[in-house]
N, C-alpha and C. Protein backbone atom coordinates (compact mmCIF):
# COMPACT_ATOMS: atom_id res chain seq x y z
N MET A 1 0.68 10.62 12.02
CA MET A 1 -0.25 9.53 11.80
C MET A 1 0.55 8.28 11.41
N LYS A 2 0.27 7.19 12.07
CA LYS A 2 0.96 5.93 11.79
C LYS A 2 0.06 5.07 10.91
N ILE A 3 0.63 4.61 9.78
CA ILE A 3 -0.14 3.90 8.76
C ILE A 3 0.51 2.56 8.44
N LEU A 4 -0.27 1.50 8.51
CA LEU A 4 0.16 0.18 8.05
C LEU A 4 -0.17 0.08 6.57
N VAL A 5 0.82 -0.26 5.75
CA VAL A 5 0.63 -0.40 4.31
C VAL A 5 0.92 -1.84 3.92
N ILE A 6 -0.09 -2.48 3.31
CA ILE A 6 0.05 -3.86 2.86
C ILE A 6 -0.43 -3.98 1.42
N SER A 7 -0.05 -5.08 0.80
CA SER A 7 -0.47 -5.33 -0.58
C SER A 7 -0.38 -6.81 -0.87
N ASP A 8 -1.08 -7.22 -1.90
CA ASP A 8 -0.94 -8.57 -2.45
C ASP A 8 -1.07 -9.65 -1.39
N THR A 9 -2.16 -9.61 -0.64
CA THR A 9 -2.43 -10.65 0.34
C THR A 9 -3.00 -11.90 -0.34
N HIS A 10 -3.71 -11.73 -1.43
CA HIS A 10 -4.23 -12.85 -2.22
C HIS A 10 -4.92 -13.90 -1.33
N GLY A 11 -5.78 -13.44 -0.42
CA GLY A 11 -6.52 -14.36 0.42
C GLY A 11 -5.85 -14.71 1.73
N ASN A 12 -4.66 -14.23 1.97
CA ASN A 12 -3.96 -14.55 3.22
C ASN A 12 -4.21 -13.44 4.25
N VAL A 13 -5.47 -13.32 4.64
CA VAL A 13 -5.84 -12.26 5.57
C VAL A 13 -5.21 -12.47 6.95
N ASN A 14 -4.89 -13.71 7.31
CA ASN A 14 -4.27 -13.95 8.62
C ASN A 14 -2.94 -13.22 8.75
N ARG A 15 -2.14 -13.17 7.67
CA ARG A 15 -0.88 -12.43 7.73
C ARG A 15 -1.14 -10.93 7.83
N ALA A 16 -2.19 -10.46 7.21
CA ALA A 16 -2.55 -9.04 7.32
C ALA A 16 -2.90 -8.71 8.77
N PHE A 17 -3.67 -9.57 9.41
CA PHE A 17 -3.98 -9.35 10.83
C PHE A 17 -2.72 -9.43 11.68
N SER A 18 -1.83 -10.35 11.37
CA SER A 18 -0.57 -10.45 12.11
C SER A 18 0.26 -9.19 11.97
N ALA A 19 0.34 -8.66 10.75
CA ALA A 19 1.09 -7.42 10.53
C ALA A 19 0.49 -6.29 11.36
N HIS A 20 -0.83 -6.22 11.39
CA HIS A 20 -1.49 -5.19 12.18
C HIS A 20 -1.15 -5.34 13.66
N THR A 21 -1.22 -6.56 14.15
CA THR A 21 -0.91 -6.80 15.57
C THR A 21 0.53 -6.43 15.90
N LEU A 22 1.44 -6.76 15.00
CA LEU A 22 2.86 -6.49 15.25
C LEU A 22 3.18 -5.00 15.30
N CYS A 23 2.43 -4.18 14.60
CA CYS A 23 2.79 -2.76 14.55
C CYS A 23 1.76 -1.85 15.21
N GLU A 24 0.72 -2.42 15.81
CA GLU A 24 -0.28 -1.55 16.43
C GLU A 24 0.29 -0.83 17.64
N PRO A 25 -0.24 0.31 17.99
CA PRO A 25 -1.42 0.90 17.37
C PRO A 25 -1.09 1.63 16.07
N VAL A 26 -2.00 1.55 15.13
CA VAL A 26 -1.91 2.32 13.90
C VAL A 26 -3.18 3.14 13.76
N ASP A 27 -3.09 4.22 13.00
CA ASP A 27 -4.25 5.09 12.79
C ASP A 27 -5.06 4.70 11.57
N THR A 28 -4.40 4.08 10.59
CA THR A 28 -5.05 3.70 9.34
C THR A 28 -4.34 2.50 8.75
N VAL A 29 -5.08 1.68 8.02
CA VAL A 29 -4.50 0.58 7.25
C VAL A 29 -4.78 0.86 5.78
N ILE A 30 -3.77 0.70 4.94
CA ILE A 30 -3.93 0.84 3.50
C ILE A 30 -3.60 -0.50 2.86
N HIS A 31 -4.52 -0.99 2.03
CA HIS A 31 -4.31 -2.23 1.27
C HIS A 31 -4.27 -1.84 -0.20
N LEU A 32 -3.18 -2.22 -0.88
CA LEU A 32 -2.93 -1.76 -2.24
C LEU A 32 -3.34 -2.77 -3.32
N GLY A 33 -4.27 -3.62 -3.02
CA GLY A 33 -4.85 -4.47 -4.06
C GLY A 33 -4.37 -5.90 -4.08
N ASP A 34 -5.08 -6.69 -4.86
CA ASP A 34 -4.93 -8.14 -4.92
C ASP A 34 -5.19 -8.73 -3.54
N GLY A 35 -6.40 -8.45 -3.10
CA GLY A 35 -6.89 -8.91 -1.80
C GLY A 35 -7.99 -8.00 -1.29
N SER A 36 -8.86 -7.52 -2.19
CA SER A 36 -9.92 -6.61 -1.76
C SER A 36 -10.84 -7.26 -0.74
N ALA A 37 -11.10 -8.56 -0.88
CA ALA A 37 -11.93 -9.24 0.13
C ALA A 37 -11.21 -9.24 1.48
N ASP A 38 -9.90 -9.36 1.46
CA ASP A 38 -9.11 -9.29 2.69
C ASP A 38 -9.24 -7.89 3.31
N ALA A 39 -9.17 -6.86 2.48
CA ALA A 39 -9.33 -5.49 2.97
C ALA A 39 -10.71 -5.30 3.58
N ASP A 40 -11.73 -5.89 2.96
CA ASP A 40 -13.09 -5.80 3.51
C ASP A 40 -13.16 -6.45 4.88
N MET A 41 -12.51 -7.60 5.04
CA MET A 41 -12.51 -8.29 6.33
C MET A 41 -11.78 -7.47 7.39
N LEU A 42 -10.66 -6.85 7.01
CA LEU A 42 -9.95 -5.97 7.94
C LEU A 42 -10.85 -4.81 8.36
N ARG A 43 -11.55 -4.23 7.39
CA ARG A 43 -12.43 -3.10 7.65
C ARG A 43 -13.54 -3.48 8.64
N GLU A 44 -14.07 -4.68 8.48
CA GLU A 44 -15.16 -5.15 9.35
C GLU A 44 -14.68 -5.48 10.76
N THR A 45 -13.41 -5.79 10.91
CA THR A 45 -12.89 -6.29 12.18
C THR A 45 -12.12 -5.26 12.99
N LEU A 46 -11.31 -4.46 12.32
CA LEU A 46 -10.43 -3.52 13.03
C LEU A 46 -11.18 -2.24 13.41
N ASP A 47 -10.66 -1.58 14.42
CA ASP A 47 -11.25 -0.32 14.88
C ASP A 47 -10.53 0.89 14.29
N VAL A 48 -9.94 0.73 13.11
CA VAL A 48 -9.28 1.84 12.43
C VAL A 48 -9.78 1.87 10.98
N PRO A 49 -9.69 3.03 10.34
CA PRO A 49 -10.09 3.09 8.93
C PRO A 49 -9.20 2.20 8.07
N VAL A 50 -9.79 1.55 7.09
CA VAL A 50 -9.07 0.74 6.11
C VAL A 50 -9.38 1.32 4.74
N ILE A 51 -8.34 1.75 4.04
CA ILE A 51 -8.46 2.30 2.69
C ILE A 51 -7.89 1.27 1.74
N ASN A 52 -8.59 0.99 0.65
CA ASN A 52 -8.02 0.03 -0.30
C ASN A 52 -8.33 0.41 -1.73
N VAL A 53 -7.45 -0.04 -2.61
CA VAL A 53 -7.66 0.05 -4.05
C VAL A 53 -7.66 -1.38 -4.59
N ALA A 54 -8.29 -1.55 -5.72
CA ALA A 54 -8.38 -2.88 -6.33
C ALA A 54 -7.15 -3.16 -7.19
N GLY A 55 -6.75 -4.41 -7.21
CA GLY A 55 -5.65 -4.84 -8.06
C GLY A 55 -6.16 -5.63 -9.25
N ASN A 56 -5.26 -6.11 -10.05
CA ASN A 56 -5.63 -6.87 -11.24
C ASN A 56 -6.27 -8.21 -10.91
N CYS A 57 -6.10 -8.70 -9.70
CA CYS A 57 -6.73 -9.97 -9.27
C CYS A 57 -7.97 -9.73 -8.42
N ASP A 58 -8.55 -8.55 -8.51
CA ASP A 58 -9.76 -8.19 -7.76
C ASP A 58 -10.91 -7.83 -8.70
N PRO A 59 -11.30 -8.73 -9.62
CA PRO A 59 -12.29 -8.36 -10.64
C PRO A 59 -13.67 -8.02 -10.09
N ASP A 60 -14.02 -8.54 -8.92
CA ASP A 60 -15.35 -8.30 -8.36
C ASP A 60 -15.38 -7.18 -7.33
N SER A 61 -14.28 -6.49 -7.16
CA SER A 61 -14.18 -5.46 -6.13
C SER A 61 -14.89 -4.18 -6.56
N ASN A 62 -15.48 -3.52 -5.58
CA ASN A 62 -16.07 -2.20 -5.80
C ASN A 62 -15.08 -1.08 -5.47
N ALA A 63 -13.89 -1.46 -5.03
CA ALA A 63 -12.87 -0.46 -4.68
C ALA A 63 -12.37 0.23 -5.95
N PRO A 64 -11.95 1.48 -5.83
CA PRO A 64 -11.39 2.17 -7.00
C PRO A 64 -10.05 1.55 -7.38
N ARG A 65 -9.64 1.73 -8.61
CA ARG A 65 -8.34 1.22 -9.05
C ARG A 65 -7.19 2.08 -8.54
N GLU A 66 -7.49 3.34 -8.24
CA GLU A 66 -6.51 4.22 -7.62
C GLU A 66 -7.24 5.34 -6.93
N CYS A 67 -6.54 6.01 -6.03
CA CYS A 67 -7.11 7.20 -5.41
C CYS A 67 -5.98 8.09 -4.93
N VAL A 68 -6.29 9.35 -4.76
CA VAL A 68 -5.35 10.29 -4.17
C VAL A 68 -5.90 10.62 -2.79
N TRP A 69 -5.05 10.41 -1.79
CA TRP A 69 -5.45 10.58 -0.40
C TRP A 69 -4.62 11.69 0.22
N GLU A 70 -5.28 12.60 0.90
CA GLU A 70 -4.60 13.69 1.60
C GLU A 70 -4.42 13.29 3.06
N CYS A 71 -3.19 13.35 3.54
CA CYS A 71 -2.90 12.97 4.92
C CYS A 71 -1.86 13.93 5.49
N GLU A 72 -2.22 14.62 6.55
CA GLU A 72 -1.29 15.54 7.22
C GLU A 72 -0.67 16.53 6.23
N GLY A 73 -1.48 16.98 5.28
CA GLY A 73 -1.00 17.95 4.29
C GLY A 73 -0.20 17.35 3.16
N LYS A 74 -0.07 16.03 3.12
CA LYS A 74 0.66 15.34 2.05
C LYS A 74 -0.33 14.72 1.08
N ARG A 75 0.01 14.78 -0.19
CA ARG A 75 -0.83 14.20 -1.24
C ARG A 75 -0.22 12.86 -1.64
N ILE A 76 -1.00 11.77 -1.43
CA ILE A 76 -0.49 10.42 -1.60
C ILE A 76 -1.32 9.69 -2.66
N LEU A 77 -0.64 9.17 -3.67
CA LEU A 77 -1.30 8.37 -4.71
C LEU A 77 -1.26 6.91 -4.29
N LEU A 78 -2.43 6.27 -4.25
CA LEU A 78 -2.56 4.85 -3.94
C LEU A 78 -2.98 4.13 -5.21
N THR A 79 -2.24 3.12 -5.60
CA THR A 79 -2.57 2.33 -6.79
C THR A 79 -1.97 0.95 -6.64
N HIS A 80 -2.54 -0.01 -7.34
CA HIS A 80 -1.93 -1.34 -7.31
C HIS A 80 -0.65 -1.32 -8.13
N GLY A 81 -0.67 -0.66 -9.26
CA GLY A 81 0.54 -0.51 -10.07
C GLY A 81 0.51 -1.19 -11.41
N ASP A 82 -0.34 -2.19 -11.58
CA ASP A 82 -0.38 -2.92 -12.85
C ASP A 82 -0.77 -2.03 -14.02
N ALA A 83 -1.64 -1.07 -13.79
CA ALA A 83 -2.07 -0.16 -14.86
C ALA A 83 -0.92 0.70 -15.38
N TYR A 84 0.15 0.79 -14.59
CA TYR A 84 1.31 1.59 -14.97
C TYR A 84 2.51 0.70 -15.30
N GLN A 85 2.27 -0.58 -15.50
CA GLN A 85 3.30 -1.55 -15.89
C GLN A 85 4.55 -1.46 -15.00
N VAL A 86 4.32 -1.44 -13.68
CA VAL A 86 5.44 -1.25 -12.76
C VAL A 86 6.46 -2.39 -12.78
N LYS A 87 6.08 -3.53 -13.32
CA LYS A 87 7.06 -4.62 -13.42
C LYS A 87 8.10 -4.34 -14.50
N SER A 88 7.80 -3.35 -15.36
CA SER A 88 8.72 -2.98 -16.44
C SER A 88 9.41 -1.65 -16.19
N GLY A 89 9.20 -1.06 -15.02
CA GLY A 89 9.81 0.23 -14.70
C GLY A 89 8.80 1.15 -14.06
N LEU A 90 9.28 2.27 -13.55
CA LEU A 90 8.42 3.18 -12.79
C LEU A 90 8.13 4.50 -13.50
N ALA A 91 8.54 4.63 -14.75
CA ALA A 91 8.37 5.91 -15.47
C ALA A 91 6.90 6.31 -15.57
N ARG A 92 6.03 5.40 -15.93
CA ARG A 92 4.59 5.73 -16.06
C ARG A 92 3.99 6.10 -14.71
N LEU A 93 4.42 5.42 -13.67
CA LEU A 93 3.93 5.71 -12.32
C LEU A 93 4.38 7.10 -11.88
N ARG A 94 5.62 7.44 -12.17
CA ARG A 94 6.12 8.79 -11.85
C ARG A 94 5.33 9.86 -12.61
N GLN A 95 5.03 9.60 -13.86
CA GLN A 95 4.24 10.55 -14.66
C GLN A 95 2.85 10.74 -14.06
N ARG A 96 2.24 9.66 -13.62
CA ARG A 96 0.91 9.75 -13.01
C ARG A 96 0.98 10.55 -11.71
N ALA A 97 2.01 10.29 -10.91
CA ALA A 97 2.17 11.03 -9.66
C ALA A 97 2.31 12.53 -9.93
N GLU A 98 3.09 12.87 -10.93
CA GLU A 98 3.25 14.28 -11.29
C GLU A 98 1.93 14.88 -11.76
N ALA A 99 1.17 14.12 -12.55
CA ALA A 99 -0.10 14.61 -13.08
C ALA A 99 -1.12 14.92 -11.97
N VAL A 100 -1.09 14.15 -10.88
CA VAL A 100 -2.05 14.37 -9.80
C VAL A 100 -1.45 15.17 -8.65
N GLY A 101 -0.20 15.58 -8.78
CA GLY A 101 0.45 16.39 -7.75
C GLY A 101 0.79 15.64 -6.48
N ALA A 102 1.07 14.34 -6.61
CA ALA A 102 1.40 13.52 -5.44
C ALA A 102 2.85 13.71 -5.02
N GLU A 103 3.07 13.69 -3.71
CA GLU A 103 4.41 13.71 -3.14
C GLU A 103 4.90 12.31 -2.82
N VAL A 104 3.92 11.40 -2.69
CA VAL A 104 4.20 10.02 -2.31
C VAL A 104 3.35 9.10 -3.18
N VAL A 105 3.92 7.97 -3.60
CA VAL A 105 3.17 6.94 -4.31
C VAL A 105 3.32 5.63 -3.53
N LEU A 106 2.18 5.02 -3.22
CA LEU A 106 2.15 3.70 -2.62
C LEU A 106 1.58 2.74 -3.65
N PHE A 107 2.31 1.65 -3.93
CA PHE A 107 1.87 0.71 -4.95
C PHE A 107 2.33 -0.69 -4.60
N GLY A 108 1.74 -1.68 -5.25
CA GLY A 108 2.08 -3.08 -5.04
C GLY A 108 2.42 -3.74 -6.36
N HIS A 109 1.81 -4.90 -6.60
CA HIS A 109 1.85 -5.66 -7.83
C HIS A 109 3.14 -6.45 -8.05
N THR A 110 4.30 -5.91 -7.75
CA THR A 110 5.56 -6.60 -8.04
C THR A 110 5.93 -7.64 -6.99
N HIS A 111 5.31 -7.56 -5.82
CA HIS A 111 5.63 -8.42 -4.68
C HIS A 111 7.05 -8.18 -4.17
N GLN A 112 7.62 -7.03 -4.50
CA GLN A 112 8.98 -6.71 -4.09
C GLN A 112 9.02 -5.39 -3.33
N VAL A 113 9.75 -5.39 -2.24
CA VAL A 113 9.91 -4.19 -1.43
C VAL A 113 10.63 -3.12 -2.22
N LEU A 114 10.14 -1.90 -2.09
CA LEU A 114 10.82 -0.76 -2.71
C LEU A 114 10.65 0.46 -1.82
N HIS A 115 11.71 1.19 -1.63
CA HIS A 115 11.69 2.50 -0.98
C HIS A 115 12.66 3.36 -1.78
N GLU A 116 12.12 4.30 -2.53
CA GLU A 116 12.96 5.10 -3.43
C GLU A 116 12.50 6.55 -3.40
N ILE A 117 13.46 7.44 -3.40
CA ILE A 117 13.16 8.86 -3.53
C ILE A 117 13.76 9.31 -4.84
N ASP A 118 12.91 9.90 -5.69
CA ASP A 118 13.35 10.33 -7.02
C ASP A 118 12.82 11.73 -7.28
N SER A 119 13.71 12.70 -7.31
CA SER A 119 13.34 14.10 -7.55
C SER A 119 12.25 14.57 -6.60
N GLY A 120 12.37 14.19 -5.34
CA GLY A 120 11.42 14.61 -4.33
C GLY A 120 10.18 13.74 -4.21
N LEU A 121 10.01 12.78 -5.11
CA LEU A 121 8.87 11.87 -5.07
C LEU A 121 9.28 10.61 -4.31
N LEU A 122 8.51 10.27 -3.27
CA LEU A 122 8.75 9.06 -2.50
C LEU A 122 7.88 7.94 -3.06
N LEU A 123 8.52 6.84 -3.48
CA LEU A 123 7.82 5.67 -4.00
C LEU A 123 8.02 4.52 -3.03
N ILE A 124 6.91 3.91 -2.60
CA ILE A 124 6.98 2.82 -1.64
C ILE A 124 6.12 1.66 -2.11
N ASN A 125 6.74 0.48 -2.13
CA ASN A 125 6.03 -0.77 -2.35
C ASN A 125 6.27 -1.59 -1.08
N PRO A 126 5.19 -1.98 -0.38
CA PRO A 126 5.38 -2.73 0.86
C PRO A 126 5.80 -4.18 0.66
N GLY A 127 5.79 -4.65 -0.58
CA GLY A 127 6.03 -6.06 -0.83
C GLY A 127 4.71 -6.80 -0.79
N ALA A 128 4.74 -8.09 -0.48
CA ALA A 128 3.53 -8.92 -0.51
C ALA A 128 3.39 -9.71 0.78
N LEU A 129 2.15 -10.06 1.10
CA LEU A 129 1.87 -10.92 2.25
C LEU A 129 1.27 -12.26 1.82
N THR A 130 1.25 -12.54 0.55
CA THR A 130 0.67 -13.78 0.06
C THR A 130 1.48 -14.99 0.53
N SER A 131 0.82 -16.11 0.67
CA SER A 131 1.50 -17.31 1.17
C SER A 131 2.51 -17.87 0.18
N TYR A 132 2.37 -17.58 -1.11
CA TYR A 132 3.30 -18.15 -2.08
C TYR A 132 4.50 -17.25 -2.38
N SER A 133 4.59 -16.10 -1.73
CA SER A 133 5.80 -15.27 -1.87
C SER A 133 6.90 -15.83 -0.98
N ARG A 134 8.09 -15.87 -1.49
CA ARG A 134 9.23 -16.34 -0.73
C ARG A 134 9.52 -15.41 0.44
N ILE A 135 9.39 -14.11 0.19
CA ILE A 135 9.60 -13.09 1.22
C ILE A 135 8.29 -12.36 1.42
N ARG A 136 7.86 -12.25 2.66
CA ARG A 136 6.60 -11.57 2.98
C ARG A 136 6.91 -10.32 3.78
N SER A 137 6.29 -9.20 3.39
CA SER A 137 6.65 -7.94 4.03
C SER A 137 5.49 -6.96 4.01
N TYR A 138 5.65 -5.92 4.82
CA TYR A 138 4.70 -4.81 4.88
C TYR A 138 5.49 -3.56 5.24
N ALA A 139 4.83 -2.41 5.13
CA ALA A 139 5.49 -1.14 5.45
C ALA A 139 4.68 -0.40 6.51
N VAL A 140 5.37 0.41 7.26
CA VAL A 140 4.73 1.31 8.21
C VAL A 140 5.22 2.71 7.91
N LEU A 141 4.28 3.62 7.70
CA LEU A 141 4.60 5.02 7.45
C LEU A 141 4.23 5.85 8.66
N ASP A 142 5.05 6.83 8.96
CA ASP A 142 4.70 7.86 9.93
C ASP A 142 4.63 9.16 9.15
N VAL A 143 3.43 9.72 9.08
CA VAL A 143 3.19 10.93 8.28
C VAL A 143 2.87 12.08 9.23
N SER A 144 3.60 13.16 9.06
CA SER A 144 3.34 14.37 9.83
C SER A 144 3.49 15.56 8.89
N PRO A 145 3.05 16.73 9.30
CA PRO A 145 3.24 17.91 8.45
C PRO A 145 4.71 18.17 8.12
N ASP A 146 5.61 17.66 8.98
CA ASP A 146 7.04 17.87 8.77
C ASP A 146 7.66 16.89 7.78
N GLY A 147 6.99 15.78 7.50
CA GLY A 147 7.56 14.82 6.57
C GLY A 147 7.01 13.42 6.75
N ILE A 148 7.63 12.49 6.04
CA ILE A 148 7.20 11.09 6.07
C ILE A 148 8.42 10.22 6.30
N THR A 149 8.27 9.28 7.22
CA THR A 149 9.28 8.26 7.39
C THR A 149 8.61 6.91 7.13
N SER A 150 9.38 5.96 6.67
CA SER A 150 8.82 4.64 6.42
C SER A 150 9.83 3.55 6.78
N GLN A 151 9.29 2.41 7.14
CA GLN A 151 10.10 1.23 7.45
C GLN A 151 9.40 0.02 6.84
N HIS A 152 10.19 -0.93 6.40
CA HIS A 152 9.66 -2.21 5.94
C HIS A 152 9.95 -3.26 7.01
N PHE A 153 9.03 -4.18 7.15
CA PHE A 153 9.18 -5.27 8.11
C PHE A 153 8.88 -6.59 7.40
N TYR A 154 9.53 -7.63 7.86
CA TYR A 154 9.36 -8.95 7.28
C TYR A 154 8.65 -9.85 8.28
N ILE A 155 7.85 -10.77 7.75
CA ILE A 155 6.99 -11.60 8.58
C ILE A 155 7.00 -13.02 8.01
N ASP A 156 6.89 -14.00 8.90
CA ASP A 156 6.82 -15.41 8.45
C ASP A 156 5.43 -15.77 7.97
């Protein structure tokens, strides 16, 4: 399954659509918060499922703050990351992943790309697509029963 992972669009839905166009076809889009209205627009427009969680800048969102998603036999934790103080380190996020039995954590909030494997736990931050970020990026995951591969891409 090919998955587009984005975060922190902060109203820049055009870049989210551009990212989708650049990597399509995809099977699912995941938006990791700070742009729930953008995720809603993607959901209304695209012909693929859009899964999203709310970020700290999404006070009016009905989206959950986090969720555990099962994909191809993999357990994936989706969260914005602010609740786990990810700007100060990943220890709390790792603890949460262990508590829910996740093999993969997808998170945003820092606006910085991250791909890290720690004791078998894969942590991925796609970066941000907001217009005020100096570097704009997204991630694409390929998930199969055999494993997960991911790539980050940069966009103007």
